[in-house]
């Protein structure tokens, strides 16, 4: 069977019908990504294949390092063409890694290139792709149209001034900010924390010399995000925080950190717990959705962290206890009448069933799917991880209410990941139709598919979309 044909990953007639009739042409609402809003606002044409495809992609860097490629060709001073050739030499070694599928889906869907990428084809692929980039004036707006992206939610610091988002108001693809206040918790690293507080104070236009000032500045920035259409927060945490912490204790920890004294681990946990309750209340007041990304162990290679900085491919799956702290955090918000709509993502597959079960304890009988177990994240957004997530969610919750896939990417070319997910979803359901485990009612099963692809997340988040979306 030809590689990446129109029925790629679709192993039955039912799977093919579900995909081609109910999933293939659904639009995309990319509700969590790391695209740069300033690049979207500038909408400048990309210069070459490296710029649009390889720059900043730590997934590819990890594979290249594993293949013995020098750092010079990953993050170093090699030319864009040399870096592309180093990636081309790595791709044939990626068989059975999802990068192999993603790479060729992206080349095929965006550039019309069917050749397998390798050292033998690298020069041809480079020239053909660059010709397409030049001829089409390929820019972010073009790529959003290409993939029918109706909305993009970027990940933004409260200290950002959101100027790019103000410039992006309106348009066929709406671009909204997501409130990511992780740096507010950093009282254990007072030098960086104080520098961030000073940035936040400048953006908010207020002094921050007390805990009350910090809470007011964060609330003001939360409202600024809301006024630009933002309806999501996001929190990247080792684990949830739910330690008892009075306002007086939090204020004392704040004061010491503001003077440059690092919080002890238990104090950091107390302060983080205090702020996470504040963030939950802010979200609930405005009917936002909070996202909890749990379990990444970051910056594990300290030598490379010192050389290259964070987000360069040296993060891993953590093994902290997750369920107890998560249940305690959600319960604290629930008891206060301040539990917002929530999406929980976990990185350690060992926690799948426990977290999928945990969120079911806080469904409210009012908002369909109020508590969501999020899409397979990071190391888990591959076929086995996706199938495991779909099966666990189906067994312990309502797959029909699932808000579906996202890119979680810094690359404008990552949208074929939605196709990859949709094909896997349709193949799983199609096989069960063929075996008689699901009814052969394609309006019923196909409705589940189309909901997961787009309608569920559209309805859940309540974002304003362009007319007809």
Protein backbone atom coordinates (compact mmCIF):
# COMPACT_ATOMS: atom_id res chain seq x y z
CA UNK A 1 0.00 0.00 0.00
CA UNK A 2 1.45 3.42 -0.90
CA UNK A 3 2.80 5.47 2.00
CA UNK A 4 0.55 8.36 3.14
CA UNK A 5 -2.23 7.58 0.68
CA UNK A 6 -5.68 9.09 1.18
CA UNK A 7 -6.60 6.25 3.55
CA UNK A 8 -3.45 6.52 5.69
CA UNK A 9 -4.10 4.99 9.16
CA UNK A 10 -7.68 4.06 8.15
CA UNK A 11 -7.87 0.27 8.29
CA UNK A 12 -11.55 -0.38 7.59
CA UNK A 13 -14.37 0.81 5.37
CA UNK A 14 -16.14 2.31 8.39
CA UNK A 15 -13.00 4.18 9.43
CA UNK A 16 -12.62 5.59 5.95
CA UNK A 17 -16.26 6.72 5.86
CA UNK A 18 -16.02 8.36 9.27
CA UNK A 19 -12.87 10.23 8.34
CA UNK A 20 -13.76 11.39 4.85
CA UNK A 21 -17.41 12.24 5.59
CA UNK A 22 -17.23 13.56 9.16
CA UNK A 23 -13.67 14.59 10.09
CA UNK A 24 -11.56 15.52 7.09
CA UNK A 25 -13.19 18.87 6.30
CA UNK A 26 -13.86 20.07 9.83
CA UNK A 27 -12.24 23.42 10.70
CA UNK A 28 -9.66 23.75 13.47
CA UNK A 29 -9.87 25.65 16.74
CA UNK A 30 -6.32 25.51 18.09
CA UNK A 31 -7.05 26.31 21.72
CA UNK A 32 -3.53 25.82 23.03
CA UNK A 33 -0.32 26.63 21.17
CA UNK A 34 2.93 28.55 21.53
CA UNK A 35 2.85 30.55 18.31
CA UNK A 36 4.31 34.05 18.62
CA UNK A 37 1.47 36.60 18.34
CA UNK A 38 3.90 39.26 17.12
CA UNK A 39 4.82 37.03 14.16
CA UNK A 40 1.13 36.50 13.41
CA UNK A 41 0.44 40.25 13.58
CA UNK A 42 3.38 41.10 11.32
CA UNK A 43 2.20 38.45 8.81
CA UNK A 44 5.52 38.63 7.00
CA UNK A 45 6.19 35.99 4.31
CA UNK A 46 8.57 33.28 5.45
CA UNK A 47 11.99 33.39 3.83
CA UNK A 48 12.69 29.68 3.42
CA UNK A 49 11.83 26.18 4.59
CA UNK A 50 14.13 26.40 7.59
CA UNK A 51 12.44 29.52 8.94
CA UNK A 52 8.91 28.17 8.67
CA UNK A 53 9.64 24.54 9.56
CA UNK A 54 12.76 23.95 11.65
CA UNK A 55 13.57 27.07 13.66
CA UNK A 56 12.86 26.48 17.36
CA UNK A 57 11.59 22.90 16.97
CA UNK A 58 12.97 21.02 19.97
CA UNK A 59 11.19 17.79 18.90
CA UNK A 60 13.48 17.68 15.86
CA UNK A 61 16.53 18.72 17.87
CA UNK A 62 16.09 15.79 20.24
CA UNK A 63 15.92 13.35 17.33
CA UNK A 64 18.97 14.93 15.69
CA UNK A 65 21.02 14.71 18.88
CA UNK A 66 20.01 11.06 19.26
CA UNK A 67 21.27 10.53 15.71
CA UNK A 68 24.68 11.92 16.60
CA UNK A 69 24.17 15.33 14.97
CA UNK A 70 26.35 18.10 16.39
CA UNK A 71 24.64 20.91 18.30
CA UNK A 72 25.96 23.29 15.66
CA UNK A 73 23.30 21.91 13.30
CA UNK A 74 20.51 22.09 15.91
CA UNK A 75 20.81 25.40 17.75
CA UNK A 76 24.25 26.54 16.60
CA UNK A 77 25.75 28.68 13.86
CA UNK A 78 25.33 26.37 10.86
CA UNK A 79 23.49 27.90 7.90
CA UNK A 80 19.77 27.26 7.47
CA UNK A 81 20.49 24.94 4.54
CA UNK A 82 23.09 22.99 6.53
CA UNK A 83 20.61 22.57 9.40
CA UNK A 84 17.94 21.40 6.99
CA UNK A 85 20.33 18.84 5.48
CA UNK A 86 21.20 17.58 8.97
CA UNK A 87 17.48 17.10 9.63
CA UNK A 88 17.05 15.37 6.25
CA UNK A 89 19.81 12.95 7.22
CA UNK A 90 18.00 12.20 10.50
CA UNK A 91 14.53 11.59 9.05
CA UNK A 92 15.23 8.08 7.65
CA UNK A 93 16.36 7.12 11.17
CA UNK A 94 12.95 8.21 12.55
CA UNK A 95 10.95 5.26 11.26
CA UNK A 96 8.14 4.52 13.77
CA UNK A 97 8.72 7.81 15.57
CA UNK A 98 5.72 10.16 15.04
CA UNK A 99 8.16 12.69 13.60
CA UNK A 100 8.39 10.53 10.50
CA UNK A 101 4.64 10.78 9.88
CA UNK A 102 4.43 14.47 10.83
CA UNK A 103 7.36 15.37 8.60
CA UNK A 104 5.90 13.78 5.51
CA UNK A 105 2.34 14.93 6.22
CA UNK A 106 3.61 18.50 6.45
CA UNK A 107 5.65 18.23 3.24
CA UNK A 108 2.68 16.70 1.41
CA UNK A 109 -0.15 18.89 2.68
CA UNK A 110 1.66 22.22 2.56
CA UNK A 111 4.11 21.86 -0.31
CA UNK A 112 2.64 19.01 -2.37
CA UNK A 113 5.85 17.02 -1.93
CA UNK A 114 5.51 13.22 -1.95
CA UNK A 115 9.22 12.41 -1.91
CA UNK A 116 10.59 10.75 1.20
CA UNK A 117 13.00 13.15 2.87
CA UNK A 118 16.55 11.81 3.00
CA UNK A 119 20.06 12.99 2.13
CA UNK A 120 19.40 11.94 -1.48
CA UNK A 121 16.29 14.12 -1.76
CA UNK A 122 17.26 16.96 0.55
CA UNK A 123 18.35 19.42 -2.13
CA UNK A 124 15.30 18.73 -4.30
CA UNK A 125 12.89 19.10 -1.35
CA UNK A 126 14.62 22.30 -0.22
CA UNK A 127 14.33 23.91 -3.65
CA UNK A 128 10.75 22.76 -4.30
CA UNK A 129 9.51 23.91 -0.90
CA UNK A 130 11.26 27.27 -1.18
CA UNK A 131 9.73 27.78 -4.61
CA UNK A 132 6.25 27.20 -3.14
CA UNK A 133 7.02 29.59 -0.27
CA UNK A 134 8.08 32.31 -2.71
CA UNK A 135 5.30 31.78 -5.23
CA UNK A 136 2.53 31.78 -2.64
CA UNK A 137 3.98 34.48 -0.43
CA UNK A 138 3.59 31.98 2.40
CA UNK A 139 2.81 33.75 5.67
CA UNK A 140 0.83 32.94 8.83
CA UNK A 141 -2.47 34.12 7.35
CA UNK A 142 -1.98 31.88 4.30
CA UNK A 143 -1.32 28.83 6.49
CA UNK A 144 -4.35 29.50 8.68
CA UNK A 145 -6.51 29.61 5.56
CA UNK A 146 -4.87 26.49 4.17
CA UNK A 147 -5.89 24.48 7.23
CA UNK A 148 -9.23 26.19 7.94
CA UNK A 149 -8.05 27.46 11.32
CA UNK A 150 -10.91 29.46 12.83
CA UNK A 151 -9.18 30.50 16.05
CA UNK A 152 -5.77 30.32 17.69
CA UNK A 153 -5.14 30.73 21.42
CA UNK A 154 -1.55 31.72 22.08
CA UNK A 155 0.19 31.43 25.46
CA UNK A 156 0.93 34.80 27.02
CA UNK A 157 2.51 36.15 30.19
CA UNK A 158 0.45 38.60 32.29
CA UNK A 159 3.41 40.98 32.04
CA UNK A 160 3.10 41.09 28.22
CA UNK A 161 1.51 44.28 26.97
CA UNK A 162 -0.63 42.34 24.41
CA UNK A 163 0.09 44.93 21.71
CA UNK A 164 0.20 42.20 19.07
CA UNK A 165 -3.21 40.94 20.16
CA UNK A 166 -4.67 44.41 19.94
CA UNK A 167 -3.40 44.59 16.37
CA UNK A 168 -4.95 41.20 15.58
CA UNK A 169 -8.55 41.98 16.55
CA UNK A 170 -11.00 40.63 13.98
CA UNK A 171 -10.08 38.59 10.92
CA UNK A 172 -11.16 35.23 9.56
CA UNK A 173 -8.83 33.48 12.02
CA UNK A 174 -9.29 34.97 15.46
CA UNK A 175 -6.18 35.09 17.64
CA UNK A 176 -6.74 35.25 21.39
CA UNK A 177 -4.37 35.50 24.35
CA UNK A 178 -4.19 32.83 27.06
CA UNK A 179 -3.30 33.95 30.60
CA UNK A 180 -0.17 32.02 31.73
CA UNK A 181 0.94 33.37 35.14
CA UNK A 182 3.49 30.69 36.05
CA UNK A 183 6.18 33.25 36.90
CA UNK A 184 4.03 34.71 39.66
CA UNK A 185 4.66 31.56 41.72
CA UNK A 186 8.47 31.83 41.69
CA UNK A 187 9.19 33.04 45.22
CA UNK A 188 11.83 30.31 45.51
CA UNK A 189 13.90 32.15 42.87
CA UNK A 190 13.63 35.76 44.04
CA UNK A 191 16.04 37.35 41.56
CA UNK A 192 14.04 36.24 38.52
CA UNK A 193 10.75 36.69 40.38
CA UNK A 194 11.49 40.28 41.34
CA UNK A 195 12.54 41.14 37.80
CA UNK A 196 9.26 39.69 36.56
CA UNK A 197 7.27 41.63 39.18
CA UNK A 198 8.88 44.84 37.97
CA UNK A 199 7.83 44.00 34.40
CA UNK A 200 4.31 43.24 35.57
CA UNK A 201 4.19 46.52 37.50
CA UNK A 202 5.19 48.46 34.38
CA UNK A 203 2.58 46.73 32.23
CA UNK A 204 -0.15 47.14 34.85
CA UNK A 205 0.88 50.74 35.57
CA UNK A 206 1.06 50.24 39.31
CA UNK A 207 3.61 49.67 42.04
CA UNK A 208 3.83 46.14 43.44
CA UNK A 209 5.17 46.31 46.96
CA UNK A 210 2.69 44.05 48.73
CA UNK A 211 0.68 40.89 48.18
CA UNK A 212 -2.44 43.01 47.79
CA UNK A 213 -0.73 45.01 45.02
CA UNK A 214 0.25 41.77 43.27
CA UNK A 215 -3.29 40.41 43.44
CA UNK A 216 -4.68 43.67 42.07
CA UNK A 217 -2.15 43.77 39.22
CA UNK A 218 -2.92 40.18 38.25
CA UNK A 219 -6.66 40.86 38.32
CA UNK A 220 -6.15 43.93 36.16
CA UNK A 221 -4.14 41.97 33.59
CA UNK A 222 -6.71 39.15 33.68
CA UNK A 223 -9.33 41.73 32.72
CA UNK A 224 -7.08 43.03 29.92
CA UNK A 225 -6.91 39.53 28.47
CA UNK A 226 -10.69 39.26 28.78
CA UNK A 227 -11.25 42.54 26.96
CA UNK A 228 -9.28 41.16 24.00
CA UNK A 229 -11.45 38.04 23.84
CA UNK A 230 -9.27 35.73 25.94
CA UNK A 231 -11.26 33.07 27.75
CA UNK A 232 -8.53 30.67 28.89
CA UNK A 233 -5.84 30.53 31.51
CA UNK A 234 -3.01 28.01 31.50
CA UNK A 235 -0.73 26.77 34.25
CA UNK A 236 2.39 24.66 33.75
CA UNK A 237 2.93 22.92 37.09
CA UNK A 238 4.96 20.03 38.41
CA UNK A 239 1.77 19.08 40.25
CA UNK A 240 -1.28 20.90 41.60
CA UNK A 241 -0.87 22.96 44.79
CA UNK A 242 -3.37 22.81 47.65
CA UNK A 243 -1.46 23.63 50.84
CA UNK A 244 -3.18 25.59 53.58
CA UNK A 245 -2.06 29.21 53.43
CA UNK A 246 -3.63 32.21 55.14
CA UNK A 247 -3.42 35.69 53.60
CA UNK A 248 -1.02 36.64 56.40
CA UNK A 249 1.31 33.72 55.62
CA UNK A 250 1.24 34.50 51.89
CA UNK A 251 1.96 38.17 52.59
CA UNK A 252 4.95 37.28 54.76
CA UNK A 253 6.35 34.98 52.04
CA UNK A 254 5.82 37.75 49.48
CA UNK A 255 7.60 40.33 51.65
CA UNK A 256 10.63 38.12 52.23
CA UNK A 257 10.93 37.25 48.52
CA UNK A 258 10.55 40.91 47.55
CA UNK A 259 13.56 41.59 49.78
CA UNK A 260 15.49 38.85 47.96
CA UNK A 261 15.05 35.97 50.43
CA UNK A 262 14.25 32.70 48.69
CA UNK A 263 11.21 30.82 49.95
CA UNK A 264 11.80 27.37 51.39
CA UNK A 265 10.07 24.49 49.54
CA UNK A 266 7.09 24.37 51.93
CA UNK A 267 6.73 28.16 51.73
CA UNK A 268 6.82 28.05 47.96
CA UNK A 269 4.08 25.40 48.01
CA UNK A 270 2.00 27.57 50.35
CA UNK A 271 2.40 30.68 48.19
CA UNK A 272 1.67 28.77 44.98
CA UNK A 273 -1.45 27.32 46.59
CA UNK A 274 -2.65 30.78 47.59
CA UNK A 275 -2.20 32.20 44.09
CA UNK A 276 -3.69 29.18 42.33
CA UNK A 277 -6.91 29.70 44.32
CA UNK A 278 -6.85 33.37 43.27
CA UNK A 279 -6.46 32.38 39.61
CA UNK A 280 -9.27 29.85 39.86
CA UNK A 281 -11.60 32.48 41.30
CA UNK A 282 -10.73 34.98 38.57
CA UNK A 283 -11.49 32.37 35.91
CA UNK A 284 -14.76 31.33 37.51
CA UNK A 285 -15.97 34.93 37.80
CA UNK A 286 -15.60 35.43 34.04
CA UNK A 287 -16.68 31.93 32.94
CA UNK A 288 -13.18 31.19 31.66
CA UNK A 289 -11.62 27.76 31.28
CA UNK A 290 -8.50 26.98 33.28
CA UNK A 291 -5.94 24.56 31.85
CA UNK A 292 -3.60 22.61 34.13
CA UNK A 293 -0.54 21.10 32.44
CA UNK A 294 0.83 18.70 35.04
CA UNK A 295 3.97 16.62 35.26
CA UNK A 296 6.77 17.99 33.06
CA UNK A 297 10.22 17.72 34.63
CA UNK A 298 11.98 20.63 32.99
CA UNK A 299 15.60 21.61 32.34
CA UNK A 300 17.09 18.31 33.45
CA UNK A 301 20.41 18.79 31.63
CA UNK A 302 21.87 21.70 33.57
CA UNK A 303 24.96 22.01 31.38
CA UNK A 304 22.81 22.48 28.28
CA UNK A 305 20.43 24.75 30.17
CA UNK A 306 23.36 27.05 30.96
CA UNK A 307 24.48 26.96 27.33
CA UNK A 308 21.16 27.23 25.50
CA UNK A 309 18.45 28.25 27.97
CA UNK A 310 15.04 26.61 28.50
CA UNK A 311 12.73 25.02 25.89
CA UNK A 312 15.57 23.56 23.87
CA UNK A 313 14.77 19.87 24.18
CA UNK A 314 15.94 18.79 27.63
CA UNK A 315 12.62 18.38 29.43
CA UNK A 316 11.22 15.01 30.47
CA UNK A 317 8.27 13.16 32.02
CA UNK A 318 8.06 13.72 35.77
CA UNK A 319 6.89 11.24 38.38
CA UNK A 320 5.43 13.40 41.16
CA UNK A 321 2.30 12.24 42.96
CA UNK A 322 -0.50 13.95 41.04
CA UNK A 323 -3.93 12.79 42.10
CA UNK A 324 -4.02 13.81 45.77
CA UNK A 325 -2.92 17.41 45.19
CA UNK A 326 -5.21 17.75 42.16
CA UNK A 327 -8.27 16.51 44.04
CA UNK A 328 -7.49 18.79 46.97
CA UNK A 329 -7.08 21.83 44.70
CA UNK A 330 -10.30 21.20 42.80
CA UNK A 331 -12.14 20.56 46.06
CA UNK A 332 -10.95 23.84 47.57
CA UNK A 333 -12.33 25.75 44.59
CA UNK A 334 -15.54 23.70 44.62
CA UNK A 335 -16.15 24.42 48.33
CA UNK A 336 -15.66 28.12 47.62
CA UNK A 337 -18.16 28.02 44.74
CA UNK A 338 -15.32 29.06 42.44
CA UNK A 339 -14.43 26.01 40.35
CA UNK A 340 -14.17 27.13 36.71
CA UNK A 341 -14.41 24.95 33.65
CA UNK A 342 -11.17 22.97 33.70
CA UNK A 343 -8.98 21.00 31.31
CA UNK A 344 -6.35 18.80 32.96
CA UNK A 345 -3.42 17.49 30.91
CA UNK A 346 -1.00 14.96 32.36
CA UNK A 347 2.38 14.02 30.93
CA UNK A 348 2.97 10.73 32.75
CA UNK A 349 0.83 7.95 31.21
CA UNK A 350 0.99 6.08 34.51
CA UNK A 351 -1.47 8.70 35.83
CA UNK A 352 -3.99 8.39 32.98
CA UNK A 353 -6.76 6.44 34.69
CA UNK A 354 -6.40 8.16 38.05
CA UNK A 355 -6.65 11.66 36.57
CA UNK A 356 -9.47 10.72 34.18
CA UNK A 357 -11.39 9.40 37.18
CA UNK A 358 -10.51 12.36 39.40
CA UNK A 359 -12.07 15.00 37.17
CA UNK A 360 -15.35 13.07 37.11
CA UNK A 361 -15.79 13.87 40.80
CA UNK A 362 -16.36 17.54 39.94
CA UNK A 363 -18.76 17.46 37.00
CA UNK A 364 -21.60 19.75 38.04
CA UNK A 365 -24.66 18.42 36.21
CA UNK A 366 -25.11 21.82 34.55
CA UNK A 367 -22.26 22.44 32.11
CA UNK A 368 -21.74 19.49 29.73
CA UNK A 369 -18.16 18.27 30.04
CA UNK A 370 -17.26 21.01 32.54
CA UNK A 371 -14.26 18.99 33.70
CA UNK A 372 -12.15 17.79 30.79
CA UNK A 373 -9.26 15.36 30.62
CA UNK A 374 -7.19 17.10 27.98
CA UNK A 375 -5.68 15.93 24.73
CA UNK A 376 -2.59 13.69 24.79
CA UNK A 377 0.19 16.11 25.54
CA UNK A 378 3.82 16.38 24.39
CA UNK A 379 5.39 12.93 24.70
CA UNK A 380 1.94 11.36 24.45
CA UNK A 381 0.68 12.95 21.21
CA UNK A 382 1.58 9.87 19.15
CA UNK A 383 -0.60 6.97 18.04
CA UNK A 384 -0.23 4.79 21.15
CA UNK A 385 -0.70 7.79 23.45
CA UNK A 386 -3.73 9.03 21.54
CA UNK A 387 -5.41 5.60 21.52
CA UNK A 388 -4.69 5.16 25.24
CA UNK A 389 -6.21 8.56 26.02
CA UNK A 390 -9.31 7.90 23.90
CA UNK A 391 -9.84 4.47 25.47
CA UNK A 392 -9.40 5.66 29.04
CA UNK A 393 -11.63 8.67 28.52
CA UNK A 394 -14.28 6.46 26.91
CA UNK A 395 -14.21 4.02 29.81
CA UNK A 396 -14.26 6.59 32.61
CA UNK A 397 -16.08 9.58 31.13
CA UNK A 398 -17.92 10.79 28.04
CA UNK A 399 -15.86 10.71 24.87
CA UNK A 400 -18.74 12.50 23.14
CA UNK A 401 -18.03 15.65 25.21
CA UNK A 402 -14.25 15.67 24.58
CA UNK A 403 -12.91 19.01 23.30
CA UNK A 404 -10.39 17.34 21.02
CA UNK A 405 -6.91 17.98 19.73
CA UNK A 406 -4.56 20.96 19.75
CA UNK A 407 -1.09 21.61 18.36
CA UNK A 408 0.81 22.76 21.51
CA UNK A 409 3.41 23.89 18.98
CA UNK A 410 5.67 26.80 18.10
CA UNK A 411 5.51 25.93 14.40
CA UNK A 412 3.02 27.30 11.88
CA UNK A 413 3.30 24.01 9.98
CA UNK A 414 1.99 21.78 12.79
CA UNK A 415 -1.66 21.69 11.74
CA UNK A 416 -1.41 18.24 10.09
CA UNK A 417 -1.23 16.95 13.67
CA UNK A 418 -4.98 17.52 13.76
CA UNK A 419 -5.31 15.30 10.69
CA UNK A 420 -3.10 12.67 12.34
CA UNK A 421 -5.31 12.70 15.45
CA UNK A 422 -8.54 12.62 13.45
CA UNK A 423 -7.41 9.63 11.41
CA UNK A 424 -6.49 7.72 14.58
CA UNK A 425 -9.84 8.61 16.17
CA UNK A 426 -11.79 7.45 13.10
CA UNK A 427 -9.75 4.27 12.80
CA UNK A 428 -10.46 3.36 16.43
CA UNK A 429 -14.19 3.99 16.12
CA UNK A 430 -14.42 2.45 12.65
CA UNK A 431 -12.90 -0.81 13.86
CA UNK A 432 -15.53 -1.00 16.60
CA UNK A 433 -18.31 -0.37 14.08
CA UNK A 434 -16.92 -3.18 11.91
CA UNK A 435 -16.84 -5.54 14.91
CA UNK A 436 -20.38 -4.65 15.94
CA UNK A 437 -19.21 -2.99 19.16
CA UNK A 438 -20.68 0.32 18.02
CA UNK A 439 -23.82 0.68 15.92
CA UNK A 440 -23.47 1.16 12.19
CA UNK A 441 -25.42 4.42 12.51
CA UNK A 442 -23.07 6.87 10.84
CA UNK A 443 -25.11 9.90 11.80
CA UNK A 444 -24.68 8.86 15.44
CA UNK A 445 -21.01 7.85 15.38
CA UNK A 446 -20.11 10.49 12.79
CA UNK A 447 -21.74 13.12 14.98
CA UNK A 448 -19.42 12.10 17.81
CA UNK A 449 -16.45 12.47 15.43
CA UNK A 450 -17.43 15.90 14.12
CA UNK A 451 -18.10 17.10 17.66
CA UNK A 452 -14.64 16.07 18.85
CA UNK A 453 -13.01 17.66 15.80
CA UNK A 454 -14.55 21.12 16.22
CA UNK A 455 -18.08 21.66 17.58
CA UNK A 456 -17.37 20.58 21.16
CA UNK A 457 -14.50 22.98 21.75
CA UNK A 458 -16.31 25.78 19.93
CA UNK A 459 -19.29 25.42 22.24
CA UNK A 460 -17.24 24.75 25.38
CA UNK A 461 -14.97 27.80 25.20
CA UNK A 462 -17.49 30.29 23.88
CA UNK A 463 -14.89 32.21 21.87
CA UNK A 464 -16.12 34.73 19.34
CA UNK A 465 -15.44 33.35 15.86
CA UNK A 466 -15.79 34.92 12.45
CA UNK A 467 -19.24 34.69 10.87
CA UNK A 468 -20.01 31.18 9.68
CA UNK A 469 -17.56 29.48 12.07
